[in-house]
Amino acid sequence: MSRSPLEVADIVRHYGDAYLARYGAVTSTAQYRVLRAVAQCRTAVLGGHKSQCDRCGHEEISYNSCRNRHCPKCQGSAQAAWLAARERELLDVPYCHVVFTLPAPLSPLTLQNPRVVYNLLFQAVAETLQTIARDPKHLGAEIGFLGVLHTWGQTLHHHPHIHCLVPAGGLAVDGTAWVPCPKRFFLPVRVLSRLFRRTFLTALRQAAVQERLSMQGQCQRWRTPSAWGQWLTSLQQMEWVVYAKPPMSGPQAILQYLARYTHRIAITNRRLLALEQGQVTFRWKDYQHGNRQRTMTLDAVEFLRRFLLHVLPHGFQRTRHYGLFANGVRQVKLPLCRRVLEQASPRSPVITAASEATTPGPSRPSRSDVCPICHVGQMQVQDTWFPQRTALDDSRRRLLFDTS
């Protein structure tokens, strides 16, 4: 009998109590809800239904998904649906991939104030790209882009950065022409980096003046004006990383990039290798040494601590659209772009292959109405179970991970 694949849910069920015993006092409500959602996903706790084939009598029991955006098992179908909605917004031009990264010294302040700092990061990225693109010395055009926040590195350490997918060009100021970017690059990376650093630090200073930043824990060292000023000066003197790939063309390449970044989470179940004697072993890619595949083993509680570092505040939008793609103007701007590009209508659907190629197996949508045994009959729902009502344990002293 083959062994069932290891899942993050297994680690939560076995070591969730141990994690809360160590870190329960600093575990947020959002993190606690993620632990419970991941542990209960596709179990009897969340309800489900029994189906039977009307031809051969084959029966199947299916449990409901938690649909939490941090759950490794719930991203495939959400990814496909999102891509289907975005497909008609793609312009038939080359696209660029630009990444803006916050320096590591900002990590304590970011973890203490995630909503404030991540919003400042989005604002700084948007202002930087749009300001440089509008400058006649560089592009002299209005651009649009999609920004996706990722907060992790390959080993689950805190590494906040925003992936931007940008058409390689923009709409002329007077709206009469499409201005393409140079063939080998989008915008000068060094210029982007300098403006990104200045824009973010200016906004961070303003947030501190407005008392929107909490200075607890490791951040207490910056409470005095002198310490805060010295720290900001040290950040100003650092090189801030902005990375840009050469423009890529073709709808398949663009869709694969969209699928790769929009619904990615800190770690997928496919990267997990073993859970033995309280230790979790997983694969990671070493980008600094030729993208070599390596393995790392962590204490299970430490693994969960790192995993929960990447739980976003409730309601926080990690995917945002700007410029030509902004919600308030896209219905007007995108048709205008197609007219000047002489694209009569949105491209024909090409999403199926791209989305299926990038959707994890366990979450991939399937035709549940056709019997998997006889392939002729239809699966009919015979019985339905509703989710069990369980109150959130705010005291953190009793973990409701029982999925029996």
Protein backbone atom coordinates (compact mmCIF):
# COMPACT_ATOMS: atom_id res chain seq x y z
CA MET A 1 0.00 0.00 0.00
CA SER A 2 1.50 3.36 -1.03
CA ARG A 3 1.96 6.06 1.58
CA SER A 4 -0.26 9.13 1.35
CA PRO A 5 1.61 12.29 0.28
CA LEU A 6 2.65 14.55 3.14
CA GLU A 7 0.67 17.78 3.53
CA VAL A 8 1.03 20.95 5.55
CA ALA A 9 -2.27 19.92 7.14
CA ASP A 10 -0.59 16.83 8.60
CA ILE A 11 2.07 18.98 10.26
CA VAL A 12 -0.59 21.30 11.69
CA ARG A 13 -2.64 18.42 13.08
CA HIS A 14 0.35 16.76 14.72
CA TYR A 15 2.22 19.83 15.97
CA GLY A 16 -0.33 22.65 16.10
CA ASP A 17 -0.74 22.24 19.86
CA ALA A 18 3.03 22.32 20.38
CA TYR A 19 3.26 25.47 18.29
CA LEU A 20 0.56 27.25 20.31
CA ALA A 21 2.15 26.13 23.57
CA ARG A 22 5.31 27.96 22.52
CA TYR A 23 3.95 30.89 20.50
CA GLY A 24 0.27 31.14 21.43
CA ALA A 25 0.71 34.46 23.22
CA VAL A 26 1.95 36.15 20.02
CA THR A 27 -0.25 34.27 17.54
CA SER A 28 -2.73 36.59 15.85
CA THR A 29 -6.38 35.72 15.26
CA ALA A 30 -5.66 35.58 11.51
CA GLN A 31 -2.82 33.09 12.02
CA TYR A 32 -4.94 30.97 14.35
CA ARG A 33 -7.73 30.85 11.79
CA VAL A 34 -5.26 29.73 9.13
CA LEU A 35 -4.07 26.89 11.35
CA ARG A 36 -7.63 25.70 11.87
CA ALA A 37 -8.61 26.12 8.22
CA VAL A 38 -5.60 24.17 6.94
CA ALA A 39 -6.13 21.38 9.48
CA GLN A 40 -9.85 21.04 8.71
CA CYS A 41 -9.71 21.44 4.92
CA ARG A 42 -11.44 18.54 3.14
CA THR A 43 -12.39 16.79 6.34
CA ALA A 44 -15.76 15.94 7.88
CA VAL A 45 -15.58 19.08 10.04
CA LEU A 46 -16.32 21.26 7.01
CA GLY A 47 -19.10 19.06 5.70
CA GLY A 48 -19.42 17.36 2.36
CA HIS A 49 -21.59 15.04 0.32
CA LYS A 50 -21.92 11.44 -0.89
CA SER A 51 -22.43 10.77 -4.58
CA GLN A 52 -23.46 7.58 -6.36
CA CYS A 53 -23.23 6.58 -10.02
CA ASP A 54 -26.66 6.07 -11.56
CA ARG A 55 -25.22 3.36 -13.81
CA CYS A 56 -22.81 1.14 -11.86
CA GLY A 57 -23.61 2.20 -8.29
CA HIS A 58 -20.08 3.42 -7.48
CA GLU A 59 -20.08 5.70 -4.41
CA GLU A 60 -17.77 8.55 -3.46
CA ILE A 61 -17.54 10.84 -0.42
CA SER A 62 -16.25 14.36 -0.97
CA TYR A 63 -15.48 16.83 1.80
CA ASN A 64 -15.61 20.60 1.43
CA SER A 65 -12.56 22.83 1.06
CA CYS A 66 -11.70 25.62 3.50
CA ARG A 67 -11.09 28.11 0.64
CA ASN A 68 -8.52 29.92 2.75
CA ARG A 69 -6.05 31.79 0.56
CA HIS A 70 -3.14 30.46 2.63
CA CYS A 71 -4.17 26.80 2.26
CA PRO A 72 -1.96 24.73 -0.09
CA LYS A 73 -4.96 22.67 -1.27
CA CYS A 74 -7.26 25.53 -2.22
CA GLN A 75 -5.23 27.52 -4.76
CA GLY A 76 -5.66 25.58 -7.99
CA SER A 77 -9.32 26.28 -8.70
CA ALA A 78 -9.03 29.86 -7.41
CA GLN A 79 -6.08 30.39 -9.72
CA ALA A 80 -7.95 29.08 -12.76
CA ALA A 81 -11.00 31.23 -12.03
CA TRP A 82 -8.88 34.35 -11.54
CA LEU A 83 -6.98 33.75 -14.77
CA ALA A 84 -10.21 33.27 -16.69
CA ALA A 85 -11.38 36.66 -15.44
CA ARG A 86 -8.07 38.37 -16.29
CA GLU A 87 -7.48 36.81 -19.69
CA ARG A 88 -9.52 39.33 -21.68
CA GLU A 89 -7.51 42.18 -20.14
CA LEU A 90 -4.22 41.03 -21.63
CA LEU A 91 -2.81 43.17 -24.40
CA ASP A 92 -1.12 41.43 -27.33
CA VAL A 93 2.29 42.97 -26.64
CA PRO A 94 5.47 41.76 -24.91
CA TYR A 95 5.36 41.81 -21.11
CA CYS A 96 8.04 42.52 -18.52
CA HIS A 97 8.55 41.02 -15.08
CA VAL A 98 9.89 43.50 -12.49
CA VAL A 99 10.49 42.68 -8.80
CA PHE A 100 10.82 45.23 -5.98
CA THR A 101 12.27 43.90 -2.69
CA LEU A 102 12.36 45.42 0.79
CA PRO A 103 15.77 45.22 2.53
CA ALA A 104 16.10 42.60 5.27
CA PRO A 105 16.57 45.17 8.12
CA LEU A 106 12.95 46.26 7.59
CA SER A 107 11.64 42.80 8.48
CA PRO A 108 11.00 43.39 12.24
CA LEU A 109 9.07 46.60 11.57
CA THR A 110 7.12 44.92 8.76
CA LEU A 111 6.10 41.93 10.89
CA GLN A 112 5.03 44.31 13.65
CA ASN A 113 3.00 46.47 11.24
CA PRO A 114 2.15 44.28 8.23
CA ARG A 115 -0.89 46.15 6.98
CA VAL A 116 0.79 49.56 7.11
CA VAL A 117 4.16 48.53 5.68
CA TYR A 118 2.76 46.31 2.91
CA ASN A 119 0.45 49.13 1.82
CA LEU A 120 3.40 51.52 1.77
CA LEU A 121 5.31 48.99 -0.32
CA PHE A 122 2.51 48.82 -2.90
CA GLN A 123 2.24 52.61 -2.98
CA ALA A 124 5.99 53.08 -3.44
CA VAL A 125 6.17 50.51 -6.23
CA ALA A 126 3.21 52.04 -8.09
CA GLU A 127 4.55 55.59 -7.77
CA THR A 128 8.04 54.52 -8.86
CA LEU A 129 6.95 52.68 -11.99
CA GLN A 130 4.44 55.27 -13.10
CA THR A 131 6.73 58.26 -12.42
CA ILE A 132 9.69 56.83 -14.35
CA ALA A 133 7.45 55.63 -17.19
CA ARG A 134 5.87 59.09 -17.60
CA ASP A 135 9.29 60.76 -17.78
CA PRO A 136 10.01 61.62 -21.46
CA LYS A 137 13.68 60.73 -20.86
CA HIS A 138 12.67 57.10 -20.34
CA LEU A 139 9.31 56.11 -21.87
CA GLY A 140 7.05 59.13 -21.81
CA ALA A 141 3.86 57.12 -21.58
CA GLU A 142 1.12 55.93 -19.24
CA ILE A 143 1.59 52.32 -18.24
CA GLY A 144 -0.52 49.70 -16.51
CA PHE A 145 0.59 46.74 -14.43
CA LEU A 146 -0.39 43.95 -12.07
CA GLY A 147 1.37 43.80 -8.69
CA VAL A 148 1.46 40.66 -6.51
CA LEU A 149 2.84 40.66 -2.97
CA HIS A 150 4.98 37.73 -1.86
CA THR A 151 6.45 37.71 1.63
CA TRP A 152 8.62 34.59 1.62
CA GLY A 153 11.90 33.16 0.41
CA GLN A 154 12.50 29.53 -0.55
CA THR A 155 13.34 28.54 3.04
CA LEU A 156 10.21 30.32 4.40
CA HIS A 157 12.15 33.22 5.88
CA HIS A 158 10.54 36.66 5.73
CA HIS A 159 11.37 38.24 2.37
CA PRO A 160 8.68 40.75 1.28
CA HIS A 161 8.72 41.69 -2.40
CA ILE A 162 6.26 42.60 -5.14
CA HIS A 163 6.19 40.93 -8.54
CA CYS A 164 5.02 43.31 -11.26
CA LEU A 165 3.82 42.13 -14.66
CA VAL A 166 3.91 45.10 -17.01
CA PRO A 167 3.19 45.48 -20.73
CA ALA A 168 6.46 46.47 -22.41
CA GLY A 169 5.29 49.94 -23.33
CA GLY A 170 2.50 52.37 -22.62
CA LEU A 171 -0.14 54.69 -24.00
CA ALA A 172 1.11 58.05 -25.24
CA VAL A 173 0.07 61.03 -23.14
CA ASP A 174 -2.33 62.23 -25.84
CA GLY A 175 -3.79 58.71 -26.24
CA THR A 176 -3.05 58.48 -29.96
CA ALA A 177 -0.20 55.94 -30.04
CA TRP A 178 1.42 53.02 -28.25
CA VAL A 179 4.96 53.74 -27.08
CA PRO A 180 7.05 50.54 -26.94
CA CYS A 181 9.93 50.18 -24.52
CA PRO A 182 13.47 49.32 -25.74
CA LYS A 183 13.80 45.71 -26.89
CA ARG A 184 16.32 44.64 -24.25
CA PHE A 185 14.87 46.23 -21.12
CA PHE A 186 11.77 47.91 -19.71
CA LEU A 187 13.01 50.83 -17.61
CA PRO A 188 16.50 51.47 -16.14
CA VAL A 189 16.79 49.35 -12.99
CA ARG A 190 19.22 51.68 -11.21
CA VAL A 191 16.84 54.63 -11.65
CA LEU A 192 13.91 52.53 -10.43
CA SER A 193 15.88 51.41 -7.38
CA ARG A 194 16.84 54.94 -6.31
CA LEU A 195 13.32 56.34 -6.66
CA PHE A 196 11.80 53.26 -4.98
CA ARG A 197 14.07 53.71 -1.95
CA ARG A 198 13.37 57.43 -1.64
CA THR A 199 9.62 57.06 -2.13
CA PHE A 200 9.24 54.26 0.40
CA LEU A 201 11.36 55.91 3.11
CA THR A 202 9.52 59.21 2.67
CA ALA A 203 6.20 57.40 3.18
CA LEU A 204 7.63 55.49 6.15
CA ARG A 205 8.70 58.73 7.84
CA GLN A 206 5.23 60.14 7.28
CA ALA A 207 3.62 57.04 8.81
CA ALA A 208 5.80 57.45 11.90
CA VAL A 209 4.86 61.14 12.22
CA GLN A 210 1.19 60.14 11.99
CA GLU A 211 1.77 57.49 14.73
CA ARG A 212 0.60 54.65 12.48
CA LEU A 213 3.54 52.42 13.38
CA SER A 214 3.67 50.14 16.44
CA MET A 215 7.09 49.96 18.10
CA GLN A 216 6.87 46.84 20.24
CA GLY A 217 9.23 43.89 20.68
CA GLN A 218 12.34 44.19 18.52
CA CYS A 219 11.15 47.60 17.28
CA GLN A 220 11.48 49.25 20.71
CA ARG A 221 15.08 50.16 19.84
CA TRP A 222 13.75 52.73 17.33
CA ARG A 223 11.38 54.51 19.69
CA THR A 224 13.60 57.52 20.32
CA PRO A 225 13.83 60.15 17.54
CA SER A 226 17.63 59.84 17.36
CA ALA A 227 17.59 56.04 17.02
CA TRP A 228 14.79 56.21 14.45
CA GLY A 229 16.66 58.82 12.42
CA GLN A 230 19.93 56.87 12.48
CA TRP A 231 18.16 53.71 11.36
CA LEU A 232 16.45 55.48 8.46
CA THR A 233 19.80 56.94 7.44
CA SER A 234 21.33 53.46 7.35
CA LEU A 235 18.45 52.29 5.13
CA GLN A 236 18.99 55.27 2.84
CA GLN A 237 22.63 54.25 2.40
CA MET A 238 21.78 50.65 1.42
CA GLU A 239 21.32 49.39 -2.12
CA TRP A 240 17.68 48.44 -2.65
CA VAL A 241 17.11 45.56 -5.02
CA VAL A 242 14.98 45.97 -8.13
CA TYR A 243 15.15 43.12 -10.64
CA ALA A 244 13.81 43.16 -14.19
CA LYS A 245 13.72 40.41 -16.80
CA PRO A 246 13.87 41.18 -20.54
CA PRO A 247 10.46 41.53 -22.19
CA MET A 248 8.74 38.28 -23.09
CA SER A 249 6.09 37.85 -25.74
CA GLY A 250 3.31 35.41 -26.53
CA PRO A 251 0.07 34.72 -24.67
CA GLN A 252 1.25 31.37 -23.33
CA ALA A 253 4.34 32.87 -21.68
CA ILE A 254 2.30 35.69 -20.19
CA LEU A 255 -0.41 33.38 -18.84
CA GLN A 256 2.18 31.04 -17.34
CA TYR A 257 3.75 33.98 -15.53
CA LEU A 258 0.37 35.13 -14.30
CA ALA A 259 -0.46 31.66 -13.04
CA ARG A 260 2.93 31.28 -11.42
CA TYR A 261 2.70 34.37 -9.24
CA THR A 262 -0.91 35.37 -8.58
CA HIS A 263 -1.93 32.51 -6.28
CA ARG A 264 1.38 31.20 -5.02
CA ILE A 265 1.67 30.58 -1.28
CA ALA A 266 4.67 30.20 1.03
CA ILE A 267 5.08 26.46 0.42
CA THR A 268 3.16 23.81 -1.50
CA ASN A 269 2.54 20.25 -0.42
CA ARG A 270 4.63 19.01 -3.34
CA ARG A 271 7.79 20.43 -1.75
CA LEU A 272 7.32 18.43 1.48
CA LEU A 273 9.45 15.29 1.72
CA ALA A 274 9.18 13.88 5.24
CA LEU A 275 7.80 14.36 8.75
CA GLU A 276 9.83 12.22 11.11
CA GLN A 277 10.58 12.52 14.82
CA GLY A 278 9.31 16.08 15.00
CA GLN A 279 11.36 17.20 11.99
CA VAL A 280 10.04 18.47 8.64
CA THR A 281 12.14 18.02 5.51
CA PHE A 282 11.31 19.96 2.36
CA ARG A 283 12.84 20.95 -0.98
CA TRP A 284 14.01 24.44 -1.76
CA LYS A 285 15.69 26.12 -4.72
CA ASP A 286 19.05 27.79 -4.16
CA TYR A 287 18.90 30.80 -6.50
CA GLN A 288 22.40 31.97 -5.51
CA HIS A 289 24.00 28.77 -6.77
CA GLY A 290 22.47 28.09 -10.17
CA ASN A 291 18.93 27.28 -8.93
CA ARG A 292 20.16 24.01 -7.44
CA GLN A 293 17.57 21.86 -5.69
CA ARG A 294 18.44 21.40 -2.02
CA THR A 295 16.70 20.04 1.06
CA MET A 296 16.20 21.62 4.47
CA THR A 297 15.12 20.03 7.75
CA LEU A 298 13.41 22.11 10.43
CA ASP A 299 11.84 21.40 13.78
CA ALA A 300 8.09 21.04 13.13
CA VAL A 301 7.21 23.94 15.43
CA GLU A 302 9.79 26.15 13.73
CA PHE A 303 8.36 25.11 10.36
CA LEU A 304 4.90 26.24 11.47
CA ARG A 305 6.31 29.49 12.86
CA ARG A 306 7.89 30.30 9.51
CA PHE A 307 4.77 29.26 7.63
CA LEU A 308 2.61 31.61 9.71
CA LEU A 309 4.93 34.57 9.14
CA HIS A 310 3.27 34.87 5.74
CA VAL A 311 -0.35 35.08 6.86
CA LEU A 312 -1.65 38.42 5.62
CA PRO A 313 -3.97 40.69 7.61
CA HIS A 314 -7.66 39.98 7.19
CA GLY A 315 -9.04 41.50 3.99
CA PHE A 316 -5.64 42.62 2.71
CA GLN A 317 -5.48 42.63 -1.11
CA ARG A 318 -2.24 40.98 -2.19
CA THR A 319 -2.97 41.37 -5.93
CA ARG A 320 -3.55 44.90 -7.20
CA HIS A 321 -3.96 46.65 -10.56
CA TYR A 322 -2.60 50.06 -11.45
CA GLY A 323 -2.55 52.57 -14.29
CA LEU A 324 -4.20 51.27 -17.45
CA PHE A 325 -5.37 48.17 -15.54
CA ALA A 326 -6.85 50.03 -12.53
CA ASN A 327 -10.43 49.09 -11.74
CA GLY A 328 -11.75 52.61 -12.28
CA VAL A 329 -10.35 53.11 -15.79
CA ARG A 330 -9.69 49.73 -17.39
CA GLN A 331 -13.06 49.67 -19.19
CA VAL A 332 -12.01 52.83 -21.04
CA LYS A 333 -8.22 52.57 -21.23
CA LEU A 334 -7.87 48.98 -22.46
CA PRO A 335 -10.18 49.43 -25.50
CA LEU A 336 -8.22 52.59 -26.33
CA CYS A 337 -4.95 50.65 -26.14
CA ARG A 338 -6.34 48.00 -28.49
CA ARG A 339 -7.43 50.62 -30.97
CA VAL A 340 -4.00 52.23 -31.20
CA LEU A 341 -2.42 48.76 -31.33
CA GLU A 342 -4.91 47.78 -34.05
CA GLN A 343 -6.19 44.85 -32.01
CA ALA A 344 -9.84 44.58 -32.91
CA SER A 345 -10.86 42.38 -30.00
CA PRO A 346 -9.38 40.45 -27.07
CA ARG A 347 -7.45 37.34 -28.00
CA SER A 348 -9.15 33.98 -28.35
CA PRO A 349 -9.22 31.91 -25.14
CA VAL A 350 -5.92 30.19 -24.55
CA ILE A 351 -6.16 29.78 -20.80
CA THR A 352 -6.99 26.09 -20.48
CA ALA A 353 -3.55 24.69 -21.25
CA ALA A 354 -1.70 27.30 -19.23
CA SER A 355 -3.89 27.02 -16.18
CA GLU A 356 -3.88 23.22 -16.17
CA ALA A 357 -0.11 23.14 -16.57
CA THR A 358 0.37 25.32 -13.49
CA THR A 359 -2.45 24.01 -11.29
CA PRO A 360 -1.40 21.55 -8.56
CA GLY A 361 -2.88 18.09 -8.99
CA PRO A 362 -4.90 17.82 -5.74
CA SER A 363 -6.69 21.15 -6.38
CA ARG A 364 -7.24 20.84 -10.12
CA PRO A 365 -10.91 21.03 -11.13
CA SER A 366 -12.35 17.76 -12.50
CA ARG A 367 -15.58 16.62 -14.11
CA SER A 368 -17.17 15.26 -10.95
CA ASP A 369 -20.44 14.49 -12.73
CA VAL A 370 -18.99 11.59 -14.76
CA CYS A 371 -18.41 8.30 -12.97
CA PRO A 372 -14.64 7.63 -12.67
CA ILE A 373 -15.24 3.86 -12.76
CA CYS A 374 -17.61 3.15 -15.64
CA HIS A 375 -17.09 6.50 -17.40
CA VAL A 376 -20.69 6.33 -18.59
CA GLY A 377 -22.96 7.00 -15.65
CA GLN A 378 -23.53 10.30 -13.87
CA MET A 379 -22.60 10.85 -10.23
CA GLN A 380 -25.71 11.95 -8.35
CA VAL A 381 -25.64 13.51 -4.87
CA GLN A 382 -27.32 11.16 -2.40
CA ASP A 383 -26.59 12.80 0.92
CA THR A 384 -25.15 16.09 2.20
CA TRP A 385 -23.40 16.95 5.47
CA PHE A 386 -23.19 20.51 6.72
CA PRO A 387 -20.13 22.00 8.45
CA GLN A 388 -19.82 21.46 12.17
CA ARG A 389 -20.12 24.68 14.12
CA THR A 390 -17.06 25.30 16.29
CA ALA A 391 -16.32 28.54 18.11
CA LEU A 392 -12.91 30.15 17.67
CA ASP A 393 -10.89 29.48 20.81
CA ASP A 394 -9.61 32.98 21.60
CA SER A 395 -7.78 31.86 24.72
CA ARG A 396 -5.45 29.68 22.56
CA ARG A 397 -5.48 27.08 25.34
CA ARG A 398 -7.61 24.51 23.53
CA LEU A 399 -6.86 23.72 19.88
CA LEU A 400 -9.86 22.65 17.80
CA PHE A 401 -7.98 20.54 15.26
CA ASP A 402 -10.03 17.37 15.69
CA THR A 403 -11.06 16.31 12.20
CA SER A 404 -12.60 12.97 13.08
